[in-house]
């Protein structure tokens, strides 16, 4: 089950990577809750509450395991370079 979820998420990222540069930089995949399917989002269209929640989640994640968060961020940036 988790392998299938990983495959689906990889397919979503592959679709995002095929977008033109500007659109690719404004898209992301957000896991709302455990067990739910990840959703593709446009960060420019997030409301204030959604932005606040997203930033809080990222800060919480970085506080829990800062090194893991930074490595994931670096890998994502390296994919676009």
Protein backbone atom coordinates (compact mmCIF):
# COMPACT_ATOMS: atom_id res chain seq x y z
CA UNK A 1 0.00 0.00 0.00
CA UNK A 2 2.72 2.48 0.93
CA UNK A 3 4.70 1.52 -2.17
CA UNK A 4 1.65 2.25 -4.33
CA UNK A 5 1.22 5.61 -2.60
CA UNK A 6 4.89 6.39 -3.25
CA UNK A 7 4.45 5.46 -6.91
CA UNK A 8 1.41 7.73 -7.22
CA UNK A 9 3.28 10.61 -5.62
CA UNK A 10 6.22 10.07 -7.98
CA UNK A 11 3.82 10.19 -10.93
CA UNK A 12 2.37 13.46 -9.63
CA UNK A 13 5.86 14.95 -9.32
CA UNK A 14 6.71 13.73 -12.82
CA UNK A 15 3.63 15.52 -14.17
CA UNK A 16 4.63 18.72 -12.35
CA UNK A 17 8.18 18.50 -13.72
CA UNK A 18 6.78 18.51 -17.29
CA UNK A 19 5.08 21.87 -16.76
CA UNK A 20 6.63 25.12 -18.04
CA UNK A 21 9.14 26.63 -15.61
CA UNK A 22 6.90 29.25 -14.02
CA UNK A 23 4.03 26.84 -13.44
CA UNK A 24 6.42 24.21 -12.12
CA UNK A 25 7.80 26.63 -9.54
CA UNK A 26 4.33 27.49 -8.24
CA UNK A 27 3.06 23.93 -7.87
CA UNK A 28 3.50 21.45 -5.09
CA UNK A 29 2.00 18.33 -3.60
CA UNK A 30 0.36 18.63 -0.22
CA UNK A 31 -0.56 15.77 2.09
CA UNK A 32 -3.52 17.12 4.05
CA UNK A 33 -3.80 14.26 6.55
CA UNK A 34 -2.48 10.76 7.11
CA UNK A 35 -4.15 8.22 4.86
CA UNK A 36 -5.51 10.78 2.40
CA UNK A 37 -4.32 11.11 -1.16
CA UNK A 38 -1.80 13.91 -1.78
CA UNK A 39 -3.24 16.89 -3.62
CA UNK A 40 -1.52 19.08 -6.20
CA UNK A 41 -1.70 22.72 -5.16
CA UNK A 42 -0.91 26.10 -6.68
CA UNK A 43 0.82 28.08 -3.95
CA UNK A 44 -0.35 31.37 -5.46
CA UNK A 45 -3.97 30.36 -4.92
CA UNK A 46 -3.69 29.36 -1.26
CA UNK A 47 -5.78 31.40 1.12
CA UNK A 48 -4.27 33.11 4.17
CA UNK A 49 -5.30 30.32 6.54
CA UNK A 50 -3.98 27.62 4.20
CA UNK A 51 -0.66 29.47 3.87
CA UNK A 52 -0.40 29.82 7.63
CA UNK A 53 -1.12 26.12 8.13
CA UNK A 54 1.41 25.14 5.47
CA UNK A 55 4.16 27.30 6.98
CA UNK A 56 3.37 25.99 10.47
CA UNK A 57 3.60 22.40 9.21
CA UNK A 58 6.95 23.11 7.55
CA UNK A 59 8.29 24.74 10.70
CA UNK A 60 7.00 21.88 12.84
CA UNK A 61 8.62 19.34 10.54
CA UNK A 62 11.90 21.23 10.60
CA UNK A 63 11.83 21.39 14.37
CA UNK A 64 11.24 17.64 14.58
CA UNK A 65 13.96 16.69 12.15
CA UNK A 66 15.70 19.71 10.66
CA UNK A 67 18.34 17.71 8.82
CA UNK A 68 15.79 15.48 7.08
CA UNK A 69 13.73 18.52 6.06
CA UNK A 70 16.75 20.34 4.65
CA UNK A 71 17.92 17.27 2.73
CA UNK A 72 14.50 16.88 1.14
CA UNK A 73 14.47 20.57 0.26
CA UNK A 74 17.95 20.33 -1.26
CA UNK A 75 16.97 17.27 -3.33
CA UNK A 76 13.91 19.07 -4.63
CA UNK A 77 15.93 22.16 -5.55
CA UNK A 78 18.62 20.01 -7.20
CA UNK A 79 15.97 18.38 -9.37
CA UNK A 80 15.16 21.79 -10.89
CA UNK A 81 18.73 22.97 -11.38
